[in-house]
């Protein structure tokens, strides 16, 4: 495994932990980070978040990562993994525009 791959894995792990902590802290979830599955749906049968929770989550992520999220692209908010994928893509786009 290359050092670049290791860095990418570490960054993904760090972002995943941050997103889980935002969910727990901002939404007062009664869960530990290791109890939240990265692929579980955030809405519906997964964590059962509602539209108010979605707004709180969006604001939390925007505050934490100093970004603006597209609130109309609902695919971003399917799971923690889709959020992290979006964050990684946003970071990559910022890095190429510097």
N, C-alpha and C. Protein backbone atom coordinates (compact mmCIF):
# COMPACT_ATOMS: atom_id res chain seq x y z
N UNK A 1 0.85 -1.17 0.00
CA UNK A 1 0.00 0.00 0.00
C UNK A 1 0.90 1.24 0.00
N UNK A 2 0.59 2.17 -0.87
CA UNK A 2 1.40 3.37 -0.97
C UNK A 2 1.07 4.34 0.17
N UNK A 3 1.98 5.26 0.39
CA UNK A 3 1.75 6.24 1.45
C UNK A 3 0.56 7.13 1.11
N UNK A 4 0.33 7.39 -0.17
CA UNK A 4 -0.82 8.20 -0.59
C UNK A 4 -2.13 7.48 -0.28
N UNK A 5 -2.15 6.17 -0.49
CA UNK A 5 -3.34 5.39 -0.16
C UNK A 5 -3.59 5.39 1.35
N UNK A 6 -2.52 5.25 2.12
CA UNK A 6 -2.65 5.27 3.57
C UNK A 6 -3.21 6.60 4.04
N UNK A 7 -2.72 7.69 3.46
CA UNK A 7 -3.22 9.02 3.82
C UNK A 7 -4.70 9.16 3.47
N UNK A 8 -5.10 8.63 2.31
CA UNK A 8 -6.50 8.70 1.90
C UNK A 8 -7.39 7.91 2.85
N UNK A 9 -6.92 6.74 3.27
CA UNK A 9 -7.69 5.91 4.21
C UNK A 9 -7.80 6.61 5.56
N UNK A 10 -6.70 7.19 6.02
CA UNK A 10 -6.72 7.92 7.29
C UNK A 10 -7.65 9.12 7.23
N UNK A 11 -7.63 9.85 6.10
CA UNK A 11 -8.49 11.03 5.96
C UNK A 11 -9.96 10.61 5.94
N UNK A 12 -10.27 9.52 5.23
CA UNK A 12 -11.65 9.04 5.20
C UNK A 12 -12.11 8.64 6.61
N UNK A 13 -11.26 7.98 7.35
CA UNK A 13 -11.58 7.57 8.71
C UNK A 13 -11.82 8.80 9.60
N UNK A 14 -10.98 9.82 9.44
CA UNK A 14 -11.12 11.05 10.21
C UNK A 14 -12.43 11.76 9.88
N UNK A 15 -12.76 11.87 8.60
CA UNK A 15 -14.01 12.51 8.19
C UNK A 15 -15.22 11.74 8.68
N UNK A 16 -15.15 10.42 8.61
CA UNK A 16 -16.25 9.57 9.08
C UNK A 16 -16.49 9.81 10.57
N UNK A 17 -15.43 9.86 11.34
CA UNK A 17 -15.55 10.10 12.79
C UNK A 17 -16.16 11.47 13.05
N UNK A 18 -15.74 12.49 12.30
CA UNK A 18 -16.28 13.83 12.48
C UNK A 18 -17.77 13.87 12.16
N UNK A 19 -18.17 13.24 11.07
CA UNK A 19 -19.59 13.24 10.70
C UNK A 19 -20.41 12.51 11.76
N UNK A 20 -19.92 11.40 12.25
CA UNK A 20 -20.64 10.68 13.31
C UNK A 20 -20.77 11.55 14.55
N UNK A 21 -19.70 12.24 14.91
CA UNK A 21 -19.75 13.10 16.09
C UNK A 21 -20.69 14.28 15.91
N UNK A 22 -20.76 14.82 14.70
CA UNK A 22 -21.73 15.89 14.42
C UNK A 22 -23.14 15.36 14.61
N UNK A 23 -23.41 14.17 14.07
CA UNK A 23 -24.73 13.56 14.24
C UNK A 23 -25.07 13.40 15.72
N UNK A 24 -24.15 12.85 16.46
CA UNK A 24 -24.39 12.57 17.89
C UNK A 24 -24.56 13.87 18.67
N UNK A 25 -23.63 14.82 18.47
CA UNK A 25 -23.64 16.05 19.25
C UNK A 25 -24.79 16.97 18.87
N UNK A 26 -24.96 17.23 17.59
CA UNK A 26 -25.94 18.22 17.15
C UNK A 26 -27.38 17.71 17.27
N UNK A 27 -27.55 16.39 17.11
CA UNK A 27 -28.91 15.82 17.16
C UNK A 27 -29.19 15.13 18.49
N UNK A 28 -28.24 15.20 19.40
CA UNK A 28 -28.39 14.57 20.72
C UNK A 28 -28.78 13.10 20.60
N UNK A 29 -28.13 12.40 19.68
CA UNK A 29 -28.41 10.97 19.52
C UNK A 29 -27.87 10.20 20.71
N UNK A 30 -28.62 9.24 21.13
CA UNK A 30 -28.21 8.37 22.24
C UNK A 30 -27.46 7.17 21.66
N UNK A 31 -26.29 7.44 21.09
CA UNK A 31 -25.51 6.38 20.46
C UNK A 31 -24.03 6.72 20.56
N UNK A 32 -23.23 5.71 20.49
CA UNK A 32 -21.78 5.87 20.41
C UNK A 32 -21.39 5.82 18.93
N UNK A 33 -20.28 6.47 18.56
CA UNK A 33 -19.87 6.45 17.15
C UNK A 33 -19.76 5.05 16.55
N UNK A 34 -19.26 4.09 17.31
CA UNK A 34 -19.12 2.72 16.78
C UNK A 34 -20.45 2.00 16.61
N UNK A 35 -21.53 2.57 17.14
CA UNK A 35 -22.86 1.98 16.98
C UNK A 35 -23.57 2.47 15.71
N UNK A 36 -23.00 3.47 15.06
CA UNK A 36 -23.60 4.03 13.86
C UNK A 36 -22.89 3.43 12.65
N UNK A 37 -23.64 2.70 11.84
CA UNK A 37 -23.09 2.06 10.65
C UNK A 37 -22.98 3.08 9.53
N UNK A 38 -21.83 3.08 8.87
CA UNK A 38 -21.56 4.07 7.84
C UNK A 38 -22.50 3.98 6.64
N UNK A 39 -23.01 2.79 6.34
CA UNK A 39 -23.89 2.61 5.19
C UNK A 39 -25.37 2.64 5.55
N UNK A 40 -25.70 2.75 6.82
CA UNK A 40 -27.11 2.79 7.22
C UNK A 40 -27.75 4.07 6.70
N UNK A 41 -28.97 3.97 6.20
CA UNK A 41 -29.66 5.19 5.74
C UNK A 41 -29.82 6.17 6.90
N UNK A 42 -29.62 7.45 6.60
CA UNK A 42 -29.80 8.46 7.63
C UNK A 42 -31.28 8.72 7.88
N UNK A 43 -32.09 8.51 6.85
CA UNK A 43 -33.53 8.77 6.95
C UNK A 43 -34.28 7.46 6.77
N UNK A 44 -35.53 7.45 7.13
CA UNK A 44 -36.33 6.23 6.97
C UNK A 44 -35.93 5.17 7.99
N UNK A 45 -35.70 3.97 7.51
CA UNK A 45 -35.46 2.83 8.40
C UNK A 45 -34.08 2.85 9.06
N UNK A 46 -33.20 3.70 8.66
CA UNK A 46 -31.87 3.77 9.25
C UNK A 46 -31.91 4.50 10.58
N UNK A 47 -31.32 5.68 10.61
CA UNK A 47 -31.32 6.48 11.84
C UNK A 47 -32.63 7.21 12.06
N UNK A 48 -33.51 7.16 11.07
CA UNK A 48 -34.85 7.75 11.16
C UNK A 48 -34.81 9.26 11.41
N UNK A 49 -33.88 9.95 10.77
CA UNK A 49 -33.83 11.39 10.88
C UNK A 49 -35.01 12.01 10.12
N UNK A 50 -35.39 13.20 10.53
CA UNK A 50 -36.48 13.90 9.84
C UNK A 50 -35.93 15.17 9.19
N UNK A 51 -36.81 15.98 8.63
CA UNK A 51 -36.37 17.16 7.88
C UNK A 51 -35.69 18.20 8.79
N UNK A 52 -36.13 18.33 10.02
CA UNK A 52 -35.47 19.25 10.96
C UNK A 52 -34.07 18.73 11.27
N UNK A 53 -33.96 17.42 11.49
CA UNK A 53 -32.65 16.82 11.73
C UNK A 53 -31.72 17.06 10.54
N UNK A 54 -32.27 16.98 9.34
CA UNK A 54 -31.47 17.20 8.13
C UNK A 54 -30.89 18.61 8.13
N UNK A 55 -31.70 19.59 8.47
CA UNK A 55 -31.21 20.97 8.52
C UNK A 55 -30.12 21.14 9.58
N UNK A 56 -30.31 20.55 10.73
CA UNK A 56 -29.33 20.63 11.80
C UNK A 56 -28.03 19.95 11.36
N UNK A 57 -28.14 18.82 10.69
CA UNK A 57 -26.98 18.11 10.19
C UNK A 57 -26.23 18.93 9.15
N UNK A 58 -26.98 19.52 8.22
CA UNK A 58 -26.36 20.34 7.17
C UNK A 58 -25.60 21.51 7.79
N UNK A 59 -26.23 22.20 8.72
CA UNK A 59 -25.57 23.34 9.38
C UNK A 59 -24.33 22.86 10.13
N UNK A 60 -24.42 21.74 10.80
CA UNK A 60 -23.28 21.20 11.54
C UNK A 60 -22.11 20.88 10.62
N UNK A 61 -22.40 20.27 9.50
CA UNK A 61 -21.33 19.93 8.54
C UNK A 61 -20.76 21.19 7.92
N UNK A 62 -21.62 22.13 7.55
CA UNK A 62 -21.13 23.38 6.98
C UNK A 62 -20.24 24.13 7.98
N UNK A 63 -20.63 24.16 9.23
CA UNK A 63 -19.82 24.82 10.27
C UNK A 63 -18.48 24.11 10.47
N UNK A 64 -18.53 22.80 10.61
CA UNK A 64 -17.33 22.01 10.90
C UNK A 64 -16.31 22.07 9.77
N UNK A 65 -16.79 22.01 8.52
CA UNK A 65 -15.88 21.90 7.39
C UNK A 65 -15.76 23.19 6.57
N UNK A 66 -16.44 24.24 7.00
CA UNK A 66 -16.39 25.54 6.32
C UNK A 66 -16.70 25.40 4.83
N UNK A 67 -17.81 24.75 4.55
CA UNK A 67 -18.27 24.55 3.17
C UNK A 67 -19.75 24.87 3.09
N UNK A 68 -20.24 24.94 1.88
CA UNK A 68 -21.66 25.11 1.64
C UNK A 68 -22.16 23.85 0.93
N UNK A 69 -23.14 23.19 1.52
CA UNK A 69 -23.67 21.96 0.93
C UNK A 69 -24.84 22.25 0.01
N UNK A 70 -24.95 21.44 -1.02
CA UNK A 70 -26.08 21.50 -1.94
C UNK A 70 -27.26 20.80 -1.25
N UNK A 71 -28.26 21.58 -0.91
CA UNK A 71 -29.39 20.99 -0.18
C UNK A 71 -30.40 20.32 -1.10
N UNK A 72 -30.24 20.45 -2.42
CA UNK A 72 -31.19 19.81 -3.33
C UNK A 72 -30.70 18.45 -3.82
N UNK A 73 -29.43 18.14 -3.64
CA UNK A 73 -28.90 16.84 -4.05
C UNK A 73 -29.05 15.85 -2.90
N UNK A 74 -30.18 15.21 -2.86
CA UNK A 74 -30.51 14.34 -1.73
C UNK A 74 -29.64 13.08 -1.66
N UNK A 75 -28.96 12.73 -2.74
CA UNK A 75 -28.08 11.56 -2.73
C UNK A 75 -26.92 11.75 -1.76
N UNK A 76 -26.50 12.98 -1.55
CA UNK A 76 -25.40 13.27 -0.62
C UNK A 76 -25.76 12.79 0.78
N UNK A 77 -27.02 12.86 1.14
CA UNK A 77 -27.46 12.61 2.51
C UNK A 77 -28.02 11.20 2.74
N UNK A 78 -27.74 10.27 1.84
CA UNK A 78 -28.26 8.90 2.00
C UNK A 78 -27.67 8.20 3.22
N UNK A 79 -26.37 8.37 3.42
CA UNK A 79 -25.68 7.68 4.53
C UNK A 79 -24.44 8.47 4.93
N UNK A 80 -23.80 8.03 5.97
CA UNK A 80 -22.55 8.67 6.37
C UNK A 80 -21.52 8.52 5.25
N UNK A 81 -21.48 7.36 4.63
CA UNK A 81 -20.51 7.16 3.54
C UNK A 81 -20.75 8.12 2.37
N UNK A 82 -22.00 8.39 2.02
CA UNK A 82 -22.24 9.31 0.91
C UNK A 82 -21.88 10.74 1.30
N UNK A 83 -22.08 11.09 2.55
CA UNK A 83 -21.65 12.41 3.03
C UNK A 83 -20.13 12.52 2.98
N UNK A 84 -19.45 11.49 3.45
CA UNK A 84 -17.99 11.49 3.45
C UNK A 84 -17.46 11.52 2.02
N UNK A 85 -18.09 10.76 1.13
CA UNK A 85 -17.68 10.81 -0.29
C UNK A 85 -17.77 12.24 -0.82
N UNK A 86 -18.85 12.92 -0.48
CA UNK A 86 -19.04 14.29 -0.93
C UNK A 86 -17.97 15.21 -0.33
N UNK A 87 -17.68 15.04 0.95
CA UNK A 87 -16.66 15.86 1.60
C UNK A 87 -15.29 15.65 0.96
N UNK A 88 -14.97 14.40 0.66
CA UNK A 88 -13.69 14.09 0.01
C UNK A 88 -13.63 14.74 -1.37
N UNK A 89 -14.72 14.65 -2.11
CA UNK A 89 -14.79 15.29 -3.42
C UNK A 89 -14.66 16.81 -3.34
N UNK A 90 -15.28 17.40 -2.33
CA UNK A 90 -15.19 18.84 -2.12
C UNK A 90 -13.76 19.25 -1.79
N UNK A 91 -13.11 18.48 -0.93
CA UNK A 91 -11.71 18.77 -0.59
C UNK A 91 -10.82 18.67 -1.82
N UNK A 92 -11.05 17.65 -2.64
CA UNK A 92 -10.25 17.46 -3.85
C UNK A 92 -10.46 18.62 -4.81
N UNK A 93 -11.70 19.07 -4.95
CA UNK A 93 -12.00 20.19 -5.85
C UNK A 93 -11.34 21.48 -5.35
N UNK A 94 -11.36 21.69 -4.04
CA UNK A 94 -10.71 22.87 -3.47
C UNK A 94 -9.20 22.82 -3.72
N UNK A 95 -8.62 21.63 -3.57
CA UNK A 95 -7.17 21.48 -3.73
C UNK A 95 -6.73 21.77 -5.17
N UNK A 96 -7.56 21.45 -6.14
CA UNK A 96 -7.20 21.70 -7.53
C UNK A 96 -7.41 23.14 -7.94
N UNK A 97 -8.19 23.90 -7.15
CA UNK A 97 -8.46 25.30 -7.48
C UNK A 97 -7.58 26.25 -6.67
N UNK A 98 -6.66 25.73 -5.91
CA UNK A 98 -5.80 26.60 -5.09
C UNK A 98 -4.69 27.17 -5.92
